[in-house]
């Protein structure tokens, strides 16, 4: 049963959807959520709720469902995700394998062409993700 995802209007709604998506490890629904959510709003919608599990399901959803279709959108989400509260803390707690997943998404984006980012943009964002 795939979750039906509608655009969250506030941080509370967003949090509820993210928790449901994460509880079910529903990457397809998470990708839907990220597709309809304006990347610029991510830091506000996440508020102070960013956790390792959430960062990871976002990364996996972007990698498996979004990057292939819309690398620019995936890049934007990565960019604004790094502006979220607790990002540095969560990043520091990622395991080696989890970091590997983040690396795979960056690899995918570096193989794709988009007018949303240059290779320089990607390189500087990789540094933010400590890769």
C-alpha atoms as a PDB file:
ATOM      1  CA  UNK A   1       0.000   0.000   0.000  1.00  0.00           C
ATOM      2  CA  UNK A   2       1.757   3.123  -1.244  1.00  0.00           C
ATOM      3  CA  UNK A   3       1.202   6.225   0.822  1.00  0.00           C
ATOM      4  CA  UNK A   4      -0.723   9.013  -0.830  1.00  0.00           C
ATOM      5  CA  UNK A   5       1.331  12.160  -0.496  1.00  0.00           C
ATOM      6  CA  UNK A   6      -0.002  15.688  -0.812  1.00  0.00           C
ATOM      7  CA  UNK A   7       1.968  18.900  -0.529  1.00  0.00           C
ATOM      8  CA  UNK A   8       2.529  19.744   3.150  1.00  0.00           C
ATOM      9  CA  UNK A   9       1.513  23.256   4.120  1.00  0.00           C
ATOM     10  CA  UNK A  10       3.591  23.492   7.295  1.00  0.00           C
ATOM     11  CA  UNK A  11       6.383  21.853   9.274  1.00  0.00           C
ATOM     12  CA  UNK A  12       3.937  19.776  11.332  1.00  0.00           C
ATOM     13  CA  UNK A  13       2.264  18.254   8.234  1.00  0.00           C
ATOM     14  CA  UNK A  14       5.636  17.670   6.628  1.00  0.00           C
ATOM     15  CA  UNK A  15       6.893  15.953   9.779  1.00  0.00           C
ATOM     16  CA  UNK A  16       3.836  13.667   9.888  1.00  0.00           C
ATOM     17  CA  UNK A  17       4.333  12.602   6.265  1.00  0.00           C
ATOM     18  CA  UNK A  18       8.079  12.114   6.728  1.00  0.00           C
ATOM     19  CA  UNK A  19       7.480   9.960   9.819  1.00  0.00           C
ATOM     20  CA  UNK A  20       4.951   7.793   7.955  1.00  0.00           C
ATOM     21  CA  UNK A  21       7.231   7.447   4.934  1.00  0.00           C
ATOM     22  CA  UNK A  22      10.179   6.588   7.174  1.00  0.00           C
ATOM     23  CA  UNK A  23       8.215   4.092   9.282  1.00  0.00           C
ATOM     24  CA  UNK A  24       7.278   2.209   6.103  1.00  0.00           C
ATOM     25  CA  UNK A  25      10.654   2.787   4.439  1.00  0.00           C
ATOM     26  CA  UNK A  26       8.545   3.895   1.467  1.00  0.00           C
ATOM     27  CA  UNK A  27      11.104   5.451  -0.854  1.00  0.00           C
ATOM     28  CA  UNK A  28       8.618   5.897  -3.697  1.00  0.00           C
ATOM     29  CA  UNK A  29       6.279   7.922  -1.474  1.00  0.00           C
ATOM     30  CA  UNK A  30       9.247   9.863  -0.132  1.00  0.00           C
ATOM     31  CA  UNK A  31      10.256  10.659  -3.720  1.00  0.00           C
ATOM     32  CA  UNK A  32       6.695  11.893  -4.364  1.00  0.00           C
ATOM     33  CA  UNK A  33       6.960  14.113  -1.304  1.00  0.00           C
ATOM     34  CA  UNK A  34      10.299  15.538  -2.455  1.00  0.00           C
ATOM     35  CA  UNK A  35       8.966  16.040  -5.977  1.00  0.00           C
ATOM     36  CA  UNK A  36       6.035  18.178  -4.822  1.00  0.00           C
ATOM     37  CA  UNK A  37       7.959  20.029  -2.110  1.00  0.00           C
ATOM     38  CA  UNK A  38       9.834  23.177  -3.087  1.00  0.00           C
ATOM     39  CA  UNK A  39      13.486  22.471  -2.163  1.00  0.00           C
ATOM     40  CA  UNK A  40      13.847  26.045  -0.845  1.00  0.00           C
ATOM     41  CA  UNK A  41      11.243  25.247   1.820  1.00  0.00           C
ATOM     42  CA  UNK A  42      13.070  22.171   3.130  1.00  0.00           C
ATOM     43  CA  UNK A  43      14.989  23.887   5.953  1.00  0.00           C
ATOM     44  CA  UNK A  44      11.765  25.455   7.276  1.00  0.00           C
ATOM     45  CA  UNK A  45       9.658  22.314   6.820  1.00  0.00           C
ATOM     46  CA  UNK A  46      12.272  20.115   8.489  1.00  0.00           C
ATOM     47  CA  UNK A  47      12.563  22.630  11.312  1.00  0.00           C
ATOM     48  CA  UNK A  48      14.800  20.981  13.952  1.00  0.00           C
ATOM     49  CA  UNK A  49      13.588  17.466  13.151  1.00  0.00           C
ATOM     50  CA  UNK A  50      16.346  16.261  10.832  1.00  0.00           C
ATOM     51  CA  UNK A  51      17.570  12.794  11.860  1.00  0.00           C
ATOM     52  CA  UNK A  52      20.006  10.346  10.286  1.00  0.00           C
ATOM     53  CA  UNK A  53      17.195   8.025   9.186  1.00  0.00           C
ATOM     54  CA  UNK A  54      15.378  10.909   7.518  1.00  0.00           C
ATOM     55  CA  UNK A  55      18.480  12.180   5.750  1.00  0.00           C
ATOM     56  CA  UNK A  56      19.110   8.642   4.526  1.00  0.00           C
ATOM     57  CA  UNK A  57      15.626   7.969   3.156  1.00  0.00           C
ATOM     58  CA  UNK A  58      15.765  11.369   1.399  1.00  0.00           C
ATOM     59  CA  UNK A  59      19.118  10.450  -0.152  1.00  0.00           C
ATOM     60  CA  UNK A  60      17.892   6.987  -1.209  1.00  0.00           C
ATOM     61  CA  UNK A  61      14.660   8.366  -2.654  1.00  0.00           C
ATOM     62  CA  UNK A  62      16.535  11.040  -4.586  1.00  0.00           C
ATOM     63  CA  UNK A  63      18.984   8.436  -5.856  1.00  0.00           C
ATOM     64  CA  UNK A  64      16.444   5.804  -6.913  1.00  0.00           C
ATOM     65  CA  UNK A  65      13.480   7.875  -8.039  1.00  0.00           C
ATOM     66  CA  UNK A  66      14.389  11.506  -8.661  1.00  0.00           C
ATOM     67  CA  UNK A  67      17.970  11.895  -9.935  1.00  0.00           C
ATOM     68  CA  UNK A  68      17.403   9.853 -13.098  1.00  0.00           C
ATOM     69  CA  UNK A  69      14.355  11.893 -14.130  1.00  0.00           C
ATOM     70  CA  UNK A  70      15.292  15.304 -12.766  1.00  0.00           C
ATOM     71  CA  UNK A  71      18.919  15.661 -11.635  1.00  0.00           C
ATOM     72  CA  UNK A  72      18.397  19.407 -11.154  1.00  0.00           C
ATOM     73  CA  UNK A  73      15.674  18.805  -8.589  1.00  0.00           C
ATOM     74  CA  UNK A  74      17.808  16.209  -6.789  1.00  0.00           C
ATOM     75  CA  UNK A  75      20.665  18.721  -6.646  1.00  0.00           C
ATOM     76  CA  UNK A  76      18.385  21.455  -5.276  1.00  0.00           C
ATOM     77  CA  UNK A  77      17.153  19.141  -2.534  1.00  0.00           C
ATOM     78  CA  UNK A  78      20.712  18.177  -1.576  1.00  0.00           C
ATOM     79  CA  UNK A  79      21.653  21.841  -1.512  1.00  0.00           C
ATOM     80  CA  UNK A  80      18.781  22.959   0.725  1.00  0.00           C
ATOM     81  CA  UNK A  81      19.008  19.845   2.880  1.00  0.00           C
ATOM     82  CA  UNK A  82      22.505  21.013   3.818  1.00  0.00           C
ATOM     83  CA  UNK A  83      20.983  24.282   5.090  1.00  0.00           C
ATOM     84  CA  UNK A  84      18.647  22.484   7.495  1.00  0.00           C
ATOM     85  CA  UNK A  85      19.080  22.764  11.238  1.00  0.00           C
ATOM     86  CA  UNK A  86      21.021  19.807  12.702  1.00  0.00           C
ATOM     87  CA  UNK A  87      22.504  18.945   9.281  1.00  0.00           C
ATOM     88  CA  UNK A  88      26.099  19.004  10.557  1.00  0.00           C
ATOM     89  CA  UNK A  89      25.200  16.892  13.592  1.00  0.00           C
ATOM     90  CA  UNK A  90      23.352  14.304  11.515  1.00  0.00           C
ATOM     91  CA  UNK A  91      26.138  14.198   8.931  1.00  0.00           C
ATOM     92  CA  UNK A  92      28.724  13.573  11.634  1.00  0.00           C
ATOM     93  CA  UNK A  93      26.756  10.552  12.855  1.00  0.00           C
ATOM     94  CA  UNK A  94      26.462   8.809   9.478  1.00  0.00           C
ATOM     95  CA  UNK A  95      28.230   5.476   9.219  1.00  0.00           C
ATOM     96  CA  UNK A  96      30.726   4.688   6.481  1.00  0.00           C
ATOM     97  CA  UNK A  97      28.076   2.748   4.528  1.00  0.00           C
ATOM     98  CA  UNK A  98      25.596   5.579   4.845  1.00  0.00           C
ATOM     99  CA  UNK A  99      28.182   8.047   3.571  1.00  0.00           C
ATOM    100  CA  UNK A 100      28.686   5.662   0.650  1.00  0.00           C
ATOM    101  CA  UNK A 101      24.999   6.086  -0.263  1.00  0.00           C
ATOM    102  CA  UNK A 102      25.411   9.852  -0.295  1.00  0.00           C
ATOM    103  CA  UNK A 103      28.489   9.419  -2.504  1.00  0.00           C
ATOM    104  CA  UNK A 104      26.473   7.264  -4.945  1.00  0.00           C
ATOM    105  CA  UNK A 105      23.902  10.021  -5.345  1.00  0.00           C
ATOM    106  CA  UNK A 106      26.650  12.557  -6.055  1.00  0.00           C
ATOM    107  CA  UNK A 107      28.196  10.136  -8.583  1.00  0.00           C
ATOM    108  CA  UNK A 108      24.840   9.831 -10.311  1.00  0.00           C
ATOM    109  CA  UNK A 109      24.461  13.609 -10.444  1.00  0.00           C
ATOM    110  CA  UNK A 110      27.966  14.070 -11.813  1.00  0.00           C
ATOM    111  CA  UNK A 111      27.080  11.723 -14.699  1.00  0.00           C
ATOM    112  CA  UNK A 112      23.946  13.750 -15.470  1.00  0.00           C
ATOM    113  CA  UNK A 113      23.621  17.058 -17.229  1.00  0.00           C
ATOM    114  CA  UNK A 114      21.478  19.816 -15.783  1.00  0.00           C
ATOM    115  CA  UNK A 115      21.231  23.565 -16.152  1.00  0.00           C
ATOM    116  CA  UNK A 116      20.536  23.657 -12.401  1.00  0.00           C
ATOM    117  CA  UNK A 117      24.150  22.988 -11.462  1.00  0.00           C
ATOM    118  CA  UNK A 118      27.679  22.900 -12.823  1.00  0.00           C
ATOM    119  CA  UNK A 119      30.401  20.407 -11.924  1.00  0.00           C
ATOM    120  CA  UNK A 120      31.918  23.136  -9.720  1.00  0.00           C
ATOM    121  CA  UNK A 121      28.600  23.471  -7.849  1.00  0.00           C
ATOM    122  CA  UNK A 122      28.539  19.721  -7.347  1.00  0.00           C
ATOM    123  CA  UNK A 123      32.123  19.661  -6.095  1.00  0.00           C
ATOM    124  CA  UNK A 124      31.524  22.411  -3.548  1.00  0.00           C
ATOM    125  CA  UNK A 125      28.334  20.711  -2.347  1.00  0.00           C
ATOM    126  CA  UNK A 126      30.261  17.449  -1.941  1.00  0.00           C
ATOM    127  CA  UNK A 127      32.607  19.298   0.427  1.00  0.00           C
ATOM    128  CA  UNK A 128      29.587  20.432   2.461  1.00  0.00           C
ATOM    129  CA  UNK A 129      28.601  16.759   2.706  1.00  0.00           C
ATOM    130  CA  UNK A 130      32.221  16.011   3.712  1.00  0.00           C
ATOM    131  CA  UNK A 131      32.827  13.623   0.813  1.00  0.00           C
END
